[in-house]
């Protein structure tokens, strides 16, 4: 599964100070992304006996753990 192919272009949404029209297409993409990031093997505990690295974005909003 390639997560980076699942996205919603925020710039195309326009002014986010007003109501957003959420389409069926956006809902399907959102549901697919939720399903992919909440199922195995994504939600596995790291193996303490193996090397792994943790990456976070600059705002500490996203966190990614990768096998080394």
Protein backbone atom coordinates (compact mmCIF):
# COMPACT_ATOMS: atom_id res chain seq x y z
CA UNK A 1 0.00 0.00 0.00
CA UNK A 2 1.32 3.38 -0.96
CA UNK A 3 0.01 5.97 1.50
CA UNK A 4 1.44 8.96 -0.36
CA UNK A 5 -0.99 8.29 -3.23
CA UNK A 6 -3.93 8.89 -0.89
CA UNK A 7 -4.32 12.61 -0.40
CA UNK A 8 -6.67 15.55 -0.49
CA UNK A 9 -5.28 18.75 -1.96
CA UNK A 10 -5.96 21.40 0.69
CA UNK A 11 -5.26 24.26 -1.72
CA UNK A 12 -8.09 23.07 -3.97
CA UNK A 13 -10.51 23.32 -1.04
CA UNK A 14 -10.26 27.08 -1.08
CA UNK A 15 -10.86 29.28 1.95
CA UNK A 16 -10.93 27.03 5.01
CA UNK A 17 -12.67 29.76 7.04
CA UNK A 18 -15.95 28.85 5.35
CA UNK A 19 -17.93 25.60 5.16
CA UNK A 20 -16.25 22.81 3.24
CA UNK A 21 -18.22 20.75 0.74
CA UNK A 22 -17.17 17.16 1.50
CA UNK A 23 -17.82 14.96 -1.54
CA UNK A 24 -18.38 11.21 -1.76
CA UNK A 25 -15.02 10.88 -3.50
CA UNK A 26 -13.24 12.62 -0.61
CA UNK A 27 -15.07 10.44 1.91
CA UNK A 28 -14.05 7.24 0.07
CA UNK A 29 -10.39 8.38 -0.05
CA UNK A 30 -10.51 9.28 3.66
CA UNK A 31 -12.07 5.92 4.60
CA UNK A 32 -9.46 4.05 2.55
CA UNK A 33 -6.62 5.96 4.20
CA UNK A 34 -8.06 5.34 7.69
CA UNK A 35 -8.35 1.63 6.93
CA UNK A 36 -4.75 1.40 5.68
CA UNK A 37 -3.21 3.17 8.67
CA UNK A 38 -5.24 1.31 11.30
CA UNK A 39 -4.66 -2.30 10.21
CA UNK A 40 -1.69 -4.64 10.44
CA UNK A 41 1.17 -4.43 9.77
CA UNK A 42 1.01 -0.70 10.51
CA UNK A 43 -0.05 -1.05 14.14
CA UNK A 44 2.58 -3.45 15.43
CA UNK A 45 4.80 -2.91 18.44
CA UNK A 46 8.49 -2.59 17.62
CA UNK A 47 10.78 -5.54 18.25
CA UNK A 48 13.08 -4.53 21.11
CA UNK A 49 15.75 -6.87 19.75
CA UNK A 50 15.85 -5.22 16.31
CA UNK A 51 16.96 -1.77 15.21
CA UNK A 52 14.27 0.75 14.32
CA UNK A 53 14.07 4.50 13.93
CA UNK A 54 11.37 7.00 14.80
CA UNK A 55 10.71 10.03 12.60
CA UNK A 56 8.44 12.98 13.44
CA UNK A 57 7.46 16.06 11.49
CA UNK A 58 8.62 19.48 12.65
CA UNK A 59 5.32 20.23 14.41
CA UNK A 60 5.20 16.82 16.12
CA UNK A 61 1.84 16.11 14.48
CA UNK A 62 2.88 12.97 12.60
CA UNK A 63 5.04 10.11 13.78
CA UNK A 64 6.50 7.26 11.76
CA UNK A 65 8.38 4.22 13.02
CA UNK A 66 10.47 2.29 10.50
CA UNK A 67 12.48 -0.89 10.59
CA UNK A 68 16.17 -0.10 10.23
